[in-house]
Amino acid sequence: MPRIFIVTLPDGLLVFDSPFRDALDDYDPEYSVYHLPWTEAKRLHGRWDSLVEGAELRGRIPVKDVEFDETRRRLVATRVIDSFATPSQRTDVS
């Protein structure tokens, strides 16, 4: 299961991040979903551990609820993306 991945939208990027948590001694069981406008896309060429600093948090979703295609994990279920695509839909999805 990827612990960070990015989806492109017309107005920017959605960053799904499930970082390692020292307190849990494991990865976060949820993705925090952030929006980066296209003007901030240059961050992809920097350090990924600071990629979402100052980004708009759109919500959270359990890692287990994110459906990838079974071949190369290049596709994510549209239900997941649609739930975070617009700012007015900031939510937690399960």
PDB file of N, CA and C in Angstrom:
ATOM      1  N   MET A   1       0.848  -1.177   0.000  1.00  0.00           N
ATOM      2  CA  MET A   1       0.000   0.000   0.000  1.00  0.00           C
ATOM      3  C   MET A   1       0.899   1.247   0.000  1.00  0.00           C
ATOM      4  N   PRO A   2       0.729   2.124  -0.989  1.00  0.00           N
ATOM      5  CA  PRO A   2       1.517   3.365  -0.993  1.00  0.00           C
ATOM      6  C   PRO A   2       1.193   4.211   0.240  1.00  0.00           C
ATOM      7  N   ARG A   3       2.176   4.863   0.782  1.00  0.00           N
ATOM      8  CA  ARG A   3       1.958   5.712   1.964  1.00  0.00           C
ATOM      9  C   ARG A   3       1.879   7.180   1.615  1.00  0.00           C
ATOM     10  N   ILE A   4       2.199   7.514   0.377  1.00  0.00           N
ATOM     11  CA  ILE A   4       1.973   8.864  -0.128  1.00  0.00           C
ATOM     12  C   ILE A   4       1.737   8.728  -1.633  1.00  0.00           C
ATOM     13  N   PHE A   5       0.719   9.425  -2.110  1.00  0.00           N
ATOM     14  CA  PHE A   5       0.488   9.461  -3.546  1.00  0.00           C
ATOM     15  C   PHE A   5      -0.209  10.758  -3.889  1.00  0.00           C
ATOM     16  N   ILE A   6      -0.150  11.094  -5.183  1.00  0.00           N
ATOM     17  CA  ILE A   6      -0.644  12.387  -5.653  1.00  0.00           C
ATOM     18  C   ILE A   6      -1.610  12.163  -6.812  1.00  0.00           C
ATOM     19  N   VAL A   7      -2.687  12.931  -6.793  1.00  0.00           N
ATOM     20  CA  VAL A   7      -3.695  12.889  -7.847  1.00  0.00           C
ATOM     21  C   VAL A   7      -3.801  14.291  -8.427  1.00  0.00           C
ATOM     22  N   THR A   8      -3.865  14.384  -9.752  1.00  0.00           N
ATOM     23  CA  THR A   8      -4.004  15.697 -10.377  1.00  0.00           C
ATOM     24  C   THR A   8      -5.475  16.054 -10.553  1.00  0.00           C
ATOM     25  N   LEU A   9      -5.765  17.320 -10.334  1.00  0.00           N
ATOM     26  CA  LEU A   9      -7.094  17.902 -10.522  1.00  0.00           C
ATOM     27  C   LEU A   9      -6.946  19.106 -11.450  1.00  0.00           C
ATOM     28  N   PRO A  10      -8.034  19.614 -11.986  1.00  0.00           N
ATOM     29  CA  PRO A  10      -7.924  20.814 -12.824  1.00  0.00           C
ATOM     30  C   PRO A  10      -7.288  22.003 -12.099  1.00  0.00           C
ATOM     31  N   ASP A  11      -7.531  22.133 -10.787  1.00  0.00           N
ATOM     32  CA  ASP A  11      -7.032  23.294 -10.053  1.00  0.00           C
ATOM     33  C   ASP A  11      -5.799  23.015  -9.200  1.00  0.00           C
ATOM     34  N   GLY A  12      -5.232  21.821  -9.320  1.00  0.00           N
ATOM     35  CA  GLY A  12      -4.041  21.541  -8.527  1.00  0.00           C
ATOM     36  C   GLY A  12      -3.851  20.067  -8.267  1.00  0.00           C
ATOM     37  N   LEU A  13      -3.290  19.767  -7.117  1.00  0.00           N
ATOM     38  CA  LEU A  13      -2.934  18.406  -6.743  1.00  0.00           C
ATOM     39  C   LEU A  13      -3.594  18.026  -5.423  1.00  0.00           C
ATOM     40  N   LEU A  14      -3.994  16.774  -5.316  1.00  0.00           N
ATOM     41  CA  LEU A  14      -4.382  16.219  -4.026  1.00  0.00           C
ATOM     42  C   LEU A  14      -3.249  15.325  -3.575  1.00  0.00           C
ATOM     43  N   VAL A  15      -2.771  15.539  -2.366  1.00  0.00           N
ATOM     44  CA  VAL A  15      -1.702  14.736  -1.798  1.00  0.00           C
ATOM     45  C   VAL A  15      -2.310  13.896  -0.687  1.00  0.00           C
ATOM     46  N   PHE A  16      -2.221  12.584  -0.842  1.00  0.00           N
ATOM     47  CA  PHE A  16      -2.686  11.638   0.172  1.00  0.00           C
ATOM     48  C   PHE A  16      -1.450  11.194   0.936  1.00  0.00           C
ATOM     49  N   ASP A  17      -1.396  11.480   2.223  1.00  0.00           N
ATOM     50  CA  ASP A  17      -0.187  11.253   3.013  1.00  0.00           C
ATOM     51  C   ASP A  17      -0.506  10.436   4.258  1.00  0.00           C
ATOM     52  N   SER A  18       0.202   9.339   4.419  1.00  0.00           N
ATOM     53  CA  SER A  18       0.092   8.492   5.608  1.00  0.00           C
ATOM     54  C   SER A  18       1.506   8.274   6.144  1.00  0.00           C
ATOM     55  N   PRO A  19       2.027   9.250   6.887  1.00  0.00           N
ATOM     56  CA  PRO A  19       3.427   9.184   7.318  1.00  0.00           C
ATOM     57  C   PRO A  19       3.656   8.183   8.452  1.00  0.00           C
ATOM     58  N   PHE A  20       4.915   7.853   8.639  1.00  0.00           N
ATOM     59  CA  PHE A  20       5.302   7.013   9.771  1.00  0.00           C
ATOM     60  C   PHE A  20       5.149   7.824  11.046  1.00  0.00           C
ATOM     61  N   ARG A  21       4.545   7.239  12.051  1.00  0.00           N
ATOM     62  CA  ARG A  21       4.342   7.898  13.348  1.00  0.00           C
ATOM     63  C   ARG A  21       5.171   7.170  14.402  1.00  0.00           C
ATOM     64  N   ASP A  22       6.148   7.878  14.953  1.00  0.00           N
ATOM     65  CA  ASP A  22       6.997   7.278  15.971  1.00  0.00           C
ATOM     66  C   ASP A  22       6.183   6.779  17.165  1.00  0.00           C
ATOM     67  N   ALA A  23       5.179   7.543  17.565  1.00  0.00           N
ATOM     68  CA  ALA A  23       4.368   7.163  18.728  1.00  0.00           C
ATOM     69  C   ALA A  23       3.633   5.843  18.500  1.00  0.00           C
ATOM     70  N   LEU A  24       3.281   5.561  17.260  1.00  0.00           N
ATOM     71  CA  LEU A  24       2.599   4.303  16.931  1.00  0.00           C
ATOM     72  C   LEU A  24       3.576   3.194  16.579  1.00  0.00           C
ATOM     73  N   ASP A  25       4.815   3.577  16.261  1.00  0.00           N
ATOM     74  CA  ASP A  25       5.821   2.675  15.719  1.00  0.00           C
ATOM     75  C   ASP A  25       5.270   1.977  14.474  1.00  0.00           C
ATOM     76  N   ASP A  26       4.534   2.762  13.693  1.00  0.00           N
ATOM     77  CA  ASP A  26       3.900   2.252  12.479  1.00  0.00           C
ATOM     78  C   ASP A  26       3.451   3.452  11.641  1.00  0.00           C
ATOM     79  N   TYR A  27       2.936   3.160  10.471  1.00  0.00           N
ATOM     80  CA  TYR A  27       2.382   4.221   9.631  1.00  0.00           C
ATOM     81  C   TYR A  27       1.006   4.617  10.124  1.00  0.00           C
ATOM     82  N   ASP A  28       0.659   5.859   9.886  1.00  0.00           N
ATOM     83  CA  ASP A  28      -0.657   6.363  10.251  1.00  0.00           C
ATOM     84  C   ASP A  28      -1.714   5.510   9.546  1.00  0.00           C
ATOM     85  N   PRO A  29      -2.764   5.085  10.234  1.00  0.00           N
ATOM     86  CA  PRO A  29      -3.795   4.260   9.598  1.00  0.00           C
ATOM     87  C   PRO A  29      -4.727   5.057   8.690  1.00  0.00           C
ATOM     88  N   GLU A  30      -4.533   6.368   8.621  1.00  0.00           N
ATOM     89  CA  GLU A  30      -5.349   7.210   7.758  1.00  0.00           C
ATOM     90  C   GLU A  30      -4.458   8.014   6.825  1.00  0.00           C
ATOM     91  N   TYR A  31      -5.010   8.320   5.657  1.00  0.00           N
ATOM     92  CA  TYR A  31      -4.391   9.318   4.802  1.00  0.00           C
ATOM     93  C   TYR A  31      -4.942  10.669   5.208  1.00  0.00           C
ATOM     94  N   SER A  32      -4.090  11.637   5.377  1.00  0.00           N
ATOM     95  CA  SER A  32      -4.509  13.026   5.447  1.00  0.00           C
ATOM     96  C   SER A  32      -4.444  13.520   4.011  1.00  0.00           C
ATOM     97  N   VAL A  33      -5.496  14.192   3.577  1.00  0.00           N
ATOM     98  CA  VAL A  33      -5.593  14.608   2.179  1.00  0.00           C
ATOM     99  C   VAL A  33      -5.454  16.122   2.107  1.00  0.00           C
ATOM    100  N   TYR A  34      -4.448  16.573   1.357  1.00  0.00           N
ATOM    101  CA  TYR A  34      -4.134  17.988   1.234  1.00  0.00           C
ATOM    102  C   TYR A  34      -4.303  18.431  -0.214  1.00  0.00           C
ATOM    103  N   HIS A  35      -4.649  19.695  -0.381  1.00  0.00           N
ATOM    104  CA  HIS A  35      -4.729  20.285  -1.713  1.00  0.00           C
ATOM    105  C   HIS A  35      -3.578  21.269  -1.883  1.00  0.00           C
ATOM    106  N   LEU A  36      -2.888  21.134  -3.013  1.00  0.00           N
ATOM    107  CA  LEU A  36      -1.851  22.082  -3.406  1.00  0.00           C
ATOM    108  C   LEU A  36      -2.262  22.695  -4.732  1.00  0.00           C
ATOM    109  N   PRO A  37      -2.339  24.018  -4.824  1.00  0.00           N
ATOM    110  CA  PRO A  37      -2.644  24.629  -6.117  1.00  0.00           C
ATOM    111  C   PRO A  37      -1.470  24.401  -7.077  1.00  0.00           C
ATOM    112  N   TRP A  38      -1.737  24.507  -8.367  1.00  0.00           N
ATOM    113  CA  TRP A  38      -0.686  24.301  -9.369  1.00  0.00           C
ATOM    114  C   TRP A  38       0.516  25.212  -9.138  1.00  0.00           C
ATOM    115  N   THR A  39       0.302  26.375  -8.557  1.00  0.00           N
ATOM    116  CA  THR A  39       1.419  27.283  -8.311  1.00  0.00           C
ATOM    117  C   THR A  39       2.422  26.696  -7.323  1.00  0.00           C
ATOM    118  N   GLU A  40       2.012  25.692  -6.570  1.00  0.00           N
ATOM    119  CA  GLU A  40       2.889  25.046  -5.593  1.00  0.00           C
ATOM    120  C   GLU A  40       3.416  23.696  -6.069  1.00  0.00           C
ATOM    121  N   ALA A  41       3.133  23.313  -7.303  1.00  0.00           N
ATOM    122  CA  ALA A  41       3.553  22.005  -7.823  1.00  0.00           C
ATOM    123  C   ALA A  41       5.070  21.830  -7.809  1.00  0.00           C
ATOM    124  N   LYS A  42       5.795  22.924  -7.798  1.00  0.00           N
ATOM    125  CA  LYS A  42       7.261  22.838  -7.753  1.00  0.00           C
ATOM    126  C   LYS A  42       7.743  22.122  -6.496  1.00  0.00           C
ATOM    127  N   ARG A  43       6.893  22.052  -5.468  1.00  0.00           N
ATOM    128  CA  ARG A  43       7.270  21.343  -4.243  1.00  0.00           C
ATOM    129  C   ARG A  43       7.564  19.861  -4.495  1.00  0.00           C
ATOM    130  N   LEU A  44       7.003  19.309  -5.564  1.00  0.00           N
ATOM    131  CA  LEU A  44       7.223  17.893  -5.876  1.00  0.00           C
ATOM    132  C   LEU A  44       8.696  17.595  -6.134  1.00  0.00           C
ATOM    133  N   HIS A  45       9.459  18.616  -6.461  1.00  0.00           N
ATOM    134  CA  HIS A  45      10.883  18.434  -6.747  1.00  0.00           C
ATOM    135  C   HIS A  45      11.751  18.638  -5.504  1.00  0.00           C
ATOM    136  N   GLY A  46      11.123  18.898  -4.379  1.00  0.00           N
ATOM    137  CA  GLY A  46      11.865  19.102  -3.137  1.00  0.00           C
ATOM    138  C   GLY A  46      11.728  17.912  -2.200  1.00  0.00           C
ATOM    139  N   ARG A  47      11.815  18.188  -0.935  1.00  0.00           N
ATOM    140  CA  ARG A  47      11.711  17.151   0.092  1.00  0.00           C
ATOM    141  C   ARG A  47      10.248  16.764   0.296  1.00  0.00           C
ATOM    142  N   TRP A  48       9.972  15.489   0.193  1.00  0.00           N
ATOM    143  CA  TRP A  48       8.592  15.030   0.329  1.00  0.00           C
ATOM    144  C   TRP A  48       8.111  15.078   1.768  1.00  0.00           C
ATOM    145  N   ASP A  49       9.018  15.098   2.733  1.00  0.00           N
ATOM    146  CA  ASP A  49       8.574  15.168   4.125  1.00  0.00           C
ATOM    147  C   ASP A  49       8.030  16.545   4.481  1.00  0.00           C
ATOM    148  N   SER A  50       8.262  17.537   3.625  1.00  0.00           N
ATOM    149  CA  SER A  50       7.706  18.871   3.860  1.00  0.00           C
ATOM    150  C   SER A  50       6.738  19.276   2.749  1.00  0.00           C
ATOM    151  N   LEU A  51       6.341  18.339   1.933  1.00  0.00           N
ATOM    152  CA  LEU A  51       5.484  18.612   0.786  1.00  0.00           C
ATOM    153  C   LEU A  51       4.172  19.287   1.167  1.00  0.00           C
ATOM    154  N   VAL A  52       3.585  18.898   2.271  1.00  0.00           N
ATOM    155  CA  VAL A  52       2.250  19.393   2.620  1.00  0.00           C
ATOM    156  C   VAL A  52       2.260  20.540   3.634  1.00  0.00           C
ATOM    157  N   GLU A  53       3.432  21.008   3.990  1.00  0.00           N
ATOM    158  CA  GLU A  53       3.503  22.127   4.942  1.00  0.00           C
ATOM    159  C   GLU A  53       2.744  23.329   4.397  1.00  0.00           C
ATOM    160  N   GLY A  54       1.789  23.826   5.161  1.00  0.00           N
ATOM    161  CA  GLY A  54       1.011  24.987   4.770  1.00  0.00           C
ATOM    162  C   GLY A  54      -0.072  24.705   3.739  1.00  0.00           C
ATOM    163  N   ALA A  55      -0.206  23.452   3.317  1.00  0.00           N
ATOM    164  CA  ALA A  55      -1.235  23.104   2.333  1.00  0.00           C
ATOM    165  C   ALA A  55      -2.601  23.015   3.003  1.00  0.00           C
ATOM    166  N   GLU A  56      -3.636  23.136   2.201  1.00  0.00           N
ATOM    167  CA  GLU A  56      -5.009  23.061   2.704  1.00  0.00           C
ATOM    168  C   GLU A  56      -5.383  21.609   2.997  1.00  0.00           C
ATOM    169  N   LEU A  57      -5.693  21.309   4.256  1.00  0.00           N
ATOM    170  CA  LEU A  57      -6.153  19.977   4.634  1.00  0.00           C
ATOM    171  C   LEU A  57      -7.609  19.839   4.217  1.00  0.00           C
ATOM    172  N   ARG A  58      -7.893  18.859   3.369  1.00  0.00           N
ATOM    173  CA  ARG A  58      -9.268  18.651   2.896  1.00  0.00           C
ATOM    174  C   ARG A  58      -9.993  17.579   3.688  1.00  0.00           C
ATOM    175  N   GLY A  59      -9.271  16.771   4.442  1.00  0.00           N
ATOM    176  CA  GLY A  59      -9.914  15.738   5.247  1.00  0.00           C
ATOM    177  C   GLY A  59      -9.022  14.527   5.417  1.00  0.00           C
ATOM    178  N   ARG A  60      -9.626  13.462   5.910  1.00  0.00           N
ATOM    179  CA  ARG A  60      -8.896  12.213   6.164  1.00  0.00           C
ATOM    180  C   ARG A  60      -9.733  11.035   5.688  1.00  0.00           C
ATOM    181  N   ILE A  61      -9.039   9.954   5.372  1.00  0.00           N
ATOM    182  CA  ILE A  61      -9.699   8.719   4.965  1.00  0.00           C
ATOM    183  C   ILE A  61      -8.839   7.546   5.434  1.00  0.00           C
ATOM    184  N   PRO A  62      -9.461   6.511   6.002  1.00  0.00           N
ATOM    185  CA  PRO A  62      -8.669   5.339   6.402  1.00  0.00           C
ATOM    186  C   PRO A  62      -7.945   4.727   5.199  1.00  0.00           C
ATOM    187  N   VAL A  63      -6.710   4.343   5.405  1.00  0.00           N
ATOM    188  CA  VAL A  63      -5.910   3.729   4.347  1.00  0.00           C
ATOM    189  C   VAL A  63      -6.646   2.527   3.775  1.00  0.00           C
ATOM    190  N   LYS A  64      -7.281   1.748   4.609  1.00  0.00           N
ATOM    191  CA  LYS A  64      -7.968   0.534   4.160  1.00  0.00           C
ATOM    192  C   LYS A  64      -9.148   0.826   3.242  1.00  0.00           C
ATOM    193  N   ASP A  65      -9.657   2.063   3.247  1.00  0.00           N
ATOM    194  CA  ASP A  65     -10.803   2.425   2.420  1.00  0.00           C
ATOM    195  C   ASP A  65     -10.423   2.979   1.046  1.00  0.00           C
ATOM    196  N   VAL A  66      -9.136   3.118   0.784  1.00  0.00           N
ATOM    197  CA  VAL A  66      -8.694   3.629  -0.513  1.00  0.00           C
ATOM    198  C   VAL A  66      -8.465   2.434  -1.433  1.00  0.00           C
ATOM    199  N   GLU A  67      -9.205   2.421  -2.527  1.00  0.00           N
ATOM    200  CA  GLU A  67      -9.138   1.310  -3.472  1.00  0.00           C
ATOM    201  C   GLU A  67      -8.244   1.669  -4.655  1.00  0.00           C
ATOM    202  N   PHE A  68      -7.206   0.861  -4.849  1.00  0.00           N
ATOM    203  CA  PHE A  68      -6.318   1.000  -5.996  1.00  0.00           C
ATOM    204  C   PHE A  68      -6.633  -0.108  -6.994  1.00  0.00           C
ATOM    205  N   ASP A  69      -6.231   0.115  -8.257  1.00  0.00           N
ATOM    206  CA  ASP A  69      -6.356  -0.988  -9.204  1.00  0.00           C
ATOM    207  C   ASP A  69      -5.364  -2.070  -8.780  1.00  0.00           C
ATOM    208  N   GLU A  70      -5.633  -3.278  -9.139  1.00  0.00           N
ATOM    209  CA  GLU A  70      -4.840  -4.399  -8.633  1.00  0.00           C
ATOM    210  C   GLU A  70      -3.560  -4.671  -9.406  1.00  0.00           C
ATOM    211  N   THR A  71      -3.344  -3.998 -10.519  1.00  0.00           N
ATOM    212  CA  THR A  71      -2.164  -4.298 -11.312  1.00  0.00           C
ATOM    213  C   THR A  71      -0.950  -3.479 -10.894  1.00  0.00           C
ATOM    214  N   ARG A  72      -1.005  -2.194 -11.091  1.00  0.00           N
ATOM    215  CA  ARG A  72       0.163  -1.347 -10.824  1.00  0.00           C
ATOM    216  C   ARG A  72      -0.090  -0.249  -9.808  1.00  0.00           C
ATOM    217  N   ARG A  73      -1.268  -0.229  -9.224  1.00  0.00           N
ATOM    218  CA  ARG A  73      -1.623   0.827  -8.275  1.00  0.00           C
ATOM    219  C   ARG A  73      -1.438   2.207  -8.876  1.00  0.00           C
ATOM    220  N   ARG A  74      -1.824   2.327 -10.132  1.00  0.00           N
ATOM    221  CA  ARG A  74      -1.726   3.606 -10.827  1.00  0.00           C
ATOM    222  C   ARG A  74      -3.057   4.333 -10.816  1.00  0.00           C
ATOM    223  N   LEU A  75      -4.121   3.626 -10.472  1.00  0.00           N
ATOM    224  CA  LEU A  75      -5.458   4.206 -10.481  1.00  0.00           C
ATOM    225  C   LEU A  75      -6.079   4.090  -9.095  1.00  0.00           C
ATOM    226  N   VAL A  76      -6.842   5.110  -8.748  1.00  0.00           N
ATOM    227  CA  VAL A  76      -7.536   5.139  -7.456  1.00  0.00           C
ATOM    228  C   VAL A  76      -9.023   5.277  -7.750  1.00  0.00           C
ATOM    229  N   ALA A  77      -9.850   4.643  -6.948  1.00  0.00           N
ATOM    230  CA  ALA A  77     -11.294   4.722  -7.144  1.00  0.00           C
ATOM    231  C   ALA A  77     -11.751   6.181  -7.158  1.00  0.00           C
ATOM    232  N   THR A  78     -12.575   6.537  -8.137  1.00  0.00           N
ATOM    233  CA  THR A  78     -13.019   7.930  -8.263  1.00  0.00           C
ATOM    234  C   THR A  78     -13.825   8.384  -7.060  1.00  0.00           C
ATOM    235  N   ARG A  79     -14.480   7.491  -6.363  1.00  0.00           N
ATOM    236  CA  ARG A  79     -15.236   7.842  -5.156  1.00  0.00           C
ATOM    237  C   ARG A  79     -14.325   8.541  -4.151  1.00  0.00           C
ATOM    238  N   VAL A  80     -13.118   8.065  -4.040  1.00  0.00           N
ATOM    239  CA  VAL A  80     -12.148   8.640  -3.103  1.00  0.00           C
ATOM    240  C   VAL A  80     -11.758  10.044  -3.550  1.00  0.00           C
ATOM    241  N   ILE A  81     -11.460  10.196  -4.812  1.00  0.00           N
ATOM    242  CA  ILE A  81     -11.011  11.498  -5.318  1.00  0.00           C
ATOM    243  C   ILE A  81     -12.143  12.514  -5.274  1.00  0.00           C
ATOM    244  N   ASP A  82     -13.317  12.109  -5.716  1.00  0.00           N
ATOM    245  CA  ASP A  82     -14.459  13.026  -5.736  1.00  0.00           C
ATOM    246  C   ASP A  82     -14.778  13.575  -4.355  1.00  0.00           C
ATOM    247  N   SER A  83     -14.557  12.792  -3.325  1.00  0.00           N
ATOM    248  CA  SER A  83     -14.894  13.245  -1.976  1.00  0.00           C
ATOM    249  C   SER A  83     -13.977  14.357  -1.465  1.00  0.00           C
ATOM    250  N   PHE A  84     -12.827  14.556  -2.134  1.00  0.00           N
ATOM    251  CA  PHE A  84     -11.887  15.592  -1.710  1.00  0.00           C
ATOM    252  C   PHE A  84     -11.611  16.638  -2.791  1.00  0.00           C
ATOM    253  N   ALA A  85     -12.286  16.551  -3.918  1.00  0.00           N
ATOM    254  CA  ALA A  85     -11.957  17.383  -5.070  1.00  0.00           C
ATOM    255  C   ALA A  85     -12.270  18.863  -4.890  1.00  0.00           C
ATOM    256  N   THR A  86     -13.262  19.206  -4.093  1.00  0.00           N
ATOM    257  CA  THR A  86     -13.611  20.616  -3.919  1.00  0.00           C
ATOM    258  C   THR A  86     -13.514  21.016  -2.455  1.00  0.00           C
ATOM    259  N   PRO A  87     -13.152  22.255  -2.190  1.00  0.00           N
ATOM    260  CA  PRO A  87     -12.988  22.695  -0.796  1.00  0.00           C
ATOM    261  C   PRO A  87     -14.268  22.560   0.022  1.00  0.00           C
ATOM    262  N   SER A  88     -15.406  22.737  -0.601  1.00  0.00           N
ATOM    263  CA  SER A  88     -16.653  22.671   0.157  1.00  0.00           C
ATOM    264  C   SER A  88     -16.970  21.273   0.641  1.00  0.00           C
ATOM    265  N   GLN A  89     -16.233  20.283   0.144  1.00  0.00           N
ATOM    266  CA  GLN A  89     -16.484  18.922   0.540  1.00  0.00           C
ATOM    267  C   GLN A  89     -15.461  18.419   1.545  1.00  0.00           C
ATOM    268  N   ARG A  90     -14.813  19.306   2.268  1.00  0.00           N
ATOM    269  CA  ARG A  90     -13.863  18.866   3.283  1.00  0.00           C
ATOM    270  C   ARG A  90     -14.577  17.916   4.216  1.00  0.00           C
ATOM    271  N   THR A  91     -14.040  16.729   4.355  1.00  0.00           N
ATOM    272  CA  THR A  91     -14.754  15.705   5.093  1.00  0.00           C
ATOM    273  C   THR A  91     -13.832  14.585   5.507  1.00  0.00           C
ATOM    274  N   ASP A  92     -14.352  13.696   6.277  1.00  0.00           N
ATOM    275  CA  ASP A  92     -13.696  12.436   6.567  1.00  0.00           C
ATOM    276  C   ASP A  92     -14.526  11.387   5.861  1.00  0.00           C
ATOM    277  N   VAL A  93     -13.881  10.515   5.151  1.00  0.00           N
ATOM    278  CA  VAL A  93     -14.574   9.508   4.365  1.00  0.00           C
ATOM    279  C   VAL A  93     -14.342   8.150   4.972  1.00  0.00           C
ATOM    280  N   SER A  94     -15.369   7.327   5.039  1.00  0.00           N
ATOM    281  CA  SER A  94     -15.199   5.936   5.476  1.00  0.00           C
ATOM    282  C   SER A  94     -16.023   5.035   4.621  1.00  0.00           C
TER     283      SER A  94
END
